[in-house]
N, C-alpha and C. Protein backbone atom coordinates (compact mmCIF):
# COMPACT_ATOMS: atom_id res chain seq x y z
N MET A 1 0.78 -1.14 -0.09
CA MET A 1 -0.10 -0.05 0.32
C MET A 1 0.77 1.06 -0.07
N VAL A 2 2.05 1.26 0.90
CA VAL A 2 2.98 2.48 0.68
C VAL A 2 3.27 2.89 -0.77
N LEU A 3 4.12 1.91 -1.20
CA LEU A 3 3.96 1.70 -2.34
C LEU A 3 3.64 2.61 -3.23
N VAL A 4 1.71 2.34 -3.57
CA VAL A 4 1.16 2.65 -4.55
C VAL A 4 1.12 4.10 -4.22
N SER A 5 0.51 4.34 -2.69
CA SER A 5 0.69 5.83 -2.66
C SER A 5 1.46 6.62 -2.52
N SER A 6 3.29 5.97 -2.83
CA SER A 6 4.28 6.93 -3.14
C SER A 6 4.41 6.84 -4.10
N THR A 7 3.68 5.95 -5.02
CA THR A 7 3.88 6.39 -6.51
C THR A 7 2.71 7.20 -7.66
N THR A 8 1.44 7.40 -6.51
CA THR A 8 0.75 7.92 -6.98
C THR A 8 1.03 9.50 -6.69
N ILE A 9 1.73 9.70 -5.37
CA ILE A 9 2.24 11.19 -4.85
C ILE A 9 3.24 11.92 -5.74
N ASN A 10 4.32 10.71 -6.41
CA ASN A 10 5.12 11.17 -7.08
C ASN A 10 4.55 11.86 -8.45
N GLU A 11 3.98 11.00 -8.67
CA GLU A 11 2.89 11.25 -10.23
C GLU A 11 2.28 12.14 -10.12
N ILE A 12 1.49 12.92 -9.64
CA ILE A 12 0.61 13.83 -8.96
C ILE A 12 1.78 14.98 -8.83
N GLY A 13 2.87 14.71 -8.25
CA GLY A 13 3.78 15.35 -8.12
C GLY A 13 4.47 16.19 -9.52
N ALA A 14 4.42 15.33 -10.59
CA ALA A 14 4.97 15.69 -11.79
C ALA A 14 3.97 16.40 -12.64
N LEU A 15 2.60 16.09 -12.63
CA LEU A 15 1.28 17.07 -13.15
C LEU A 15 1.60 18.07 -12.26
N GLN A 16 2.11 18.66 -11.19
CA GLN A 16 1.65 20.08 -10.40
C GLN A 16 2.96 20.37 -10.63
N LYS A 17 4.21 20.20 -11.27
CA LYS A 17 5.07 20.99 -11.61
C LYS A 17 4.99 21.39 -12.83
N SER A 18 3.86 21.12 -13.99
CA SER A 18 3.63 21.07 -15.04
C SER A 18 2.40 22.20 -14.95
N GLY A 19 1.95 22.48 -13.97
CA GLY A 19 1.42 23.17 -13.89
C GLY A 19 -0.26 22.74 -14.28
N LEU A 20 -0.57 21.55 -14.43
CA LEU A 20 -1.95 20.81 -14.25
C LEU A 20 -2.88 20.24 -13.48
N VAL A 21 -2.35 20.45 -12.11
CA VAL A 21 -2.71 20.26 -10.94
C VAL A 21 -2.32 20.82 -9.67
N SER A 22 -3.15 20.63 -8.84
CA SER A 22 -2.94 21.26 -7.55
C SER A 22 -2.44 20.44 -6.35
N LEU A 23 -1.34 20.37 -5.45
CA LEU A 23 -1.49 19.05 -4.35
C LEU A 23 -1.44 20.02 -2.74
N ALA A 24 -2.60 19.15 -2.31
CA ALA A 24 -1.88 19.15 -1.00
C ALA A 24 -2.30 18.30 0.48
N MET A 25 -1.23 18.14 1.01
CA MET A 25 -1.48 17.24 1.98
C MET A 25 -1.94 17.26 3.19
N PHE A 26 -2.46 16.55 3.94
CA PHE A 26 -2.26 16.58 5.50
C PHE A 26 -1.96 15.87 6.11
N TYR A 27 -1.38 15.49 6.99
CA TYR A 27 -0.71 14.23 7.99
C TYR A 27 -1.74 14.31 9.14
N TYR A 28 -2.55 13.61 9.88
CA TYR A 28 -3.15 13.78 10.85
C TYR A 28 -2.08 13.25 11.84
N ASP A 29 -2.00 13.46 12.97
CA ASP A 29 -1.10 13.37 14.09
C ASP A 29 -1.94 13.13 15.48
N PHE A 30 -2.66 12.83 15.78
CA PHE A 30 -3.18 12.63 17.02
C PHE A 30 -2.77 13.23 18.43
N ARG A 31 -1.60 13.22 18.40
CA ARG A 31 -0.70 14.08 19.32
C ARG A 31 -0.61 15.47 19.65
N GLU A 32 -1.05 16.05 18.02
CA GLU A 32 -1.27 17.10 18.26
C GLU A 32 -2.59 18.06 18.09
N ASP A 33 -3.00 18.68 19.26
CA ASP A 33 -4.57 19.25 19.15
C ASP A 33 -4.77 20.16 18.13
N GLN A 34 -3.80 20.95 17.28
CA GLN A 34 -4.42 21.77 16.47
C GLN A 34 -4.64 20.78 15.12
N LYS A 35 -4.06 19.32 14.83
CA LYS A 35 -4.25 18.80 13.63
C LYS A 35 -5.76 17.44 14.21
N LYS A 36 -6.42 17.91 15.33
CA LYS A 36 -7.67 16.66 15.23
C LYS A 36 -8.78 17.45 14.79
N ASP A 37 -8.68 18.81 14.22
CA ASP A 37 -10.22 19.28 14.11
C ASP A 37 -10.25 19.75 12.60
N ARG A 38 -11.13 20.09 11.85
CA ARG A 38 -11.44 20.61 10.37
C ARG A 38 -10.72 21.82 10.29
N HIS A 39 -10.50 22.96 11.75
CA HIS A 39 -10.25 23.89 11.24
C HIS A 39 -8.85 23.67 11.24
N GLY A 40 -7.91 23.08 11.37
CA GLY A 40 -6.79 22.37 11.36
C GLY A 40 -6.46 21.79 9.95
N LEU A 41 -7.13 21.56 9.31
CA LEU A 41 -6.94 20.50 7.89
C LEU A 41 -7.15 21.64 7.12
N LEU A 42 -8.73 22.71 7.11
CA LEU A 42 -9.00 23.21 6.19
C LEU A 42 -7.70 24.83 5.89
N SER A 43 -7.43 24.73 7.18
CA SER A 43 -5.95 25.58 7.36
C SER A 43 -4.83 25.66 6.62
N SER A 44 -4.31 24.08 6.92
CA SER A 44 -3.13 23.63 6.68
C SER A 44 -3.66 23.54 5.02
N VAL A 45 -4.65 23.16 4.05
CA VAL A 45 -4.72 22.98 3.10
C VAL A 45 -4.37 24.36 2.09
N LEU A 46 -5.37 25.30 2.52
CA LEU A 46 -5.39 26.44 2.13
C LEU A 46 -4.02 27.54 1.96
N VAL A 47 -3.20 27.25 3.02
CA VAL A 47 -1.73 27.77 3.10
C VAL A 47 -0.96 26.94 1.88
N GLN A 48 -1.14 25.88 1.67
CA GLN A 48 -0.15 25.03 0.41
C GLN A 48 -0.57 25.42 -0.24
N LEU A 49 -2.13 25.42 -0.77
CA LEU A 49 -2.63 25.72 -1.96
C LEU A 49 -2.12 27.27 -2.72
N CYS A 50 -2.41 28.00 -1.76
CA CYS A 50 -2.34 29.28 -2.01
C CYS A 50 -0.26 29.36 -2.35
N ARG A 51 0.38 28.80 -1.80
CA ARG A 51 1.77 28.75 -2.69
C ARG A 51 1.78 27.99 -4.28
N GLN A 52 0.90 27.78 -4.45
CA GLN A 52 1.14 27.14 -5.60
C GLN A 52 0.61 27.76 -6.94
N SER A 53 0.23 28.94 -6.58
CA SER A 53 -0.73 29.56 -7.73
C SER A 53 -0.90 30.77 -7.05
N ASP A 54 -0.86 32.16 -8.12
CA ASP A 54 -1.20 33.52 -8.12
C ASP A 54 -2.68 33.54 -7.86
N SER A 55 -3.31 32.90 -8.55
CA SER A 55 -5.08 33.22 -8.27
C SER A 55 -5.33 32.93 -7.00
N TYR A 56 -5.16 31.67 -6.80
CA TYR A 56 -4.72 31.21 -5.29
C TYR A 56 -4.51 31.74 -4.31
N TYR A 57 -3.53 32.64 -4.36
CA TYR A 57 -3.08 33.49 -3.26
C TYR A 57 -3.50 34.89 -3.41
N ASP A 58 -4.24 35.05 -4.45
CA ASP A 58 -4.67 35.87 -3.97
C ASP A 58 -6.56 36.26 -3.52
N ILE A 59 -7.18 35.09 -3.58
CA ILE A 59 -8.27 35.02 -3.00
C ILE A 59 -7.88 34.52 -1.49
N LEU A 60 -6.92 34.28 -1.26
CA LEU A 60 -6.50 33.99 0.47
C LEU A 60 -6.02 35.30 0.43
N SER A 61 -5.48 36.10 0.10
CA SER A 61 -5.16 37.40 0.28
C SER A 61 -6.46 38.10 0.71
N LYS A 62 -7.29 38.43 0.25
CA LYS A 62 -8.39 39.09 -0.26
C LYS A 62 -9.21 38.28 1.60
N PHE A 63 -9.37 37.17 1.74
CA PHE A 63 -10.34 36.53 2.22
C PHE A 63 -9.15 37.27 4.03
N TYR A 64 -7.93 36.83 4.02
CA TYR A 64 -6.94 37.55 5.16
C TYR A 64 -7.57 38.93 5.44
N VAL A 65 -7.37 39.79 4.64
CA VAL A 65 -7.82 41.01 4.77
C VAL A 65 -9.15 41.02 5.33
N GLU A 66 -9.96 40.38 5.20
CA GLU A 66 -11.30 40.71 5.32
C GLU A 66 -11.47 39.79 6.65
N HIS A 67 -10.92 39.36 7.37
CA HIS A 67 -10.53 38.96 8.46
C HIS A 67 -9.64 39.83 9.26
N SER A 68 -9.82 40.80 9.18
CA SER A 68 -8.74 42.09 10.01
C SER A 68 -7.49 41.17 9.65
N SER A 69 -6.83 41.21 9.16
CA SER A 69 -5.38 40.59 8.53
C SER A 69 -4.93 39.99 9.76
N GLY A 70 -6.08 39.00 9.70
CA GLY A 70 -5.47 37.47 10.89
C GLY A 70 -6.15 37.71 11.86
N THR A 71 -6.72 38.65 12.52
CA THR A 71 -6.78 39.01 13.75
C THR A 71 -8.29 37.90 14.74
N GLN A 72 -9.26 38.20 13.40
CA GLN A 72 -10.16 37.61 13.90
C GLN A 72 -10.15 36.13 12.96
N GLN A 73 -10.89 35.13 13.92
CA GLN A 73 -10.33 33.59 13.97
C GLN A 73 -11.74 33.32 12.40
N PRO A 74 -11.79 32.92 11.26
CA PRO A 74 -12.66 32.40 10.58
C PRO A 74 -13.60 31.27 11.03
N SER A 75 -14.47 31.05 11.02
CA SER A 75 -15.38 29.40 11.36
C SER A 75 -14.95 29.09 10.46
N ASP A 76 -14.96 27.16 10.91
CA ASP A 76 -14.78 26.35 9.72
C ASP A 76 -15.86 26.30 8.48
N ASP A 77 -16.97 26.92 8.74
CA ASP A 77 -17.53 27.10 7.17
C ASP A 77 -16.92 28.20 6.49
N VAL A 78 -16.39 29.15 6.83
CA VAL A 78 -16.14 30.11 5.96
C VAL A 78 -14.98 29.66 5.61
N LEU A 79 -13.89 28.83 6.41
CA LEU A 79 -12.52 28.28 5.52
C LEU A 79 -13.15 27.50 4.90
N LEU A 80 -13.95 26.64 4.89
CA LEU A 80 -14.84 25.61 3.57
C LEU A 80 -15.03 26.42 2.63
N HIS A 81 -16.38 27.85 2.81
CA HIS A 81 -16.43 28.12 1.32
C HIS A 81 -14.98 28.86 0.79
N CYS A 82 -14.08 29.15 1.15
CA CYS A 82 -12.60 30.04 1.15
C CYS A 82 -12.09 28.80 0.07
N LEU A 83 -12.07 27.63 0.83
CA LEU A 83 -11.31 26.55 -0.16
C LEU A 83 -12.10 26.45 -1.46
N LYS A 84 -13.34 25.86 -1.55
CA LYS A 84 -14.62 25.61 -2.59
C LYS A 84 -14.27 26.96 -3.74
N ASP A 85 -13.78 28.49 -3.22
CA ASP A 85 -13.36 29.57 -4.03
C ASP A 85 -12.31 28.72 -5.08
N LEU A 86 -11.49 28.20 -4.22
CA LEU A 86 -10.33 28.38 -4.91
C LEU A 86 -10.00 26.85 -5.82
N LEU A 87 -10.92 26.03 -5.11
CA LEU A 87 -11.22 24.79 -6.01
C LEU A 87 -12.11 24.90 -7.35
N GLU A 88 -12.79 25.81 -7.90
CA GLU A 88 -13.67 26.33 -8.08
C GLU A 88 -12.62 26.70 -9.37
N LEU A 89 -11.59 27.51 -9.30
CA LEU A 89 -10.76 28.30 -10.10
C LEU A 89 -10.93 27.39 -11.38
N PRO A 90 -10.18 27.52 -12.36
CA PRO A 90 -9.42 26.55 -13.63
C PRO A 90 -8.15 26.49 -13.38
């Protein structure tokens, strides 16, 4: 199973370098409290994606400003909506 997963990730990585796909990974560790909930997952995925595309970055930057430059904690639903906005881009 590990070999199949590793091969798949490598193939997706090659597509990512060509600009055909975006890739974000989330490793769950039950010992880390911030990774036990949906908020941690969504935040991690959003940050990873915004590093891969100027369009993604623009959406997340606007989102950041709308939440008082990071001083207001967005709800999970708002984070999910932001992720959907990113994923709807071509």
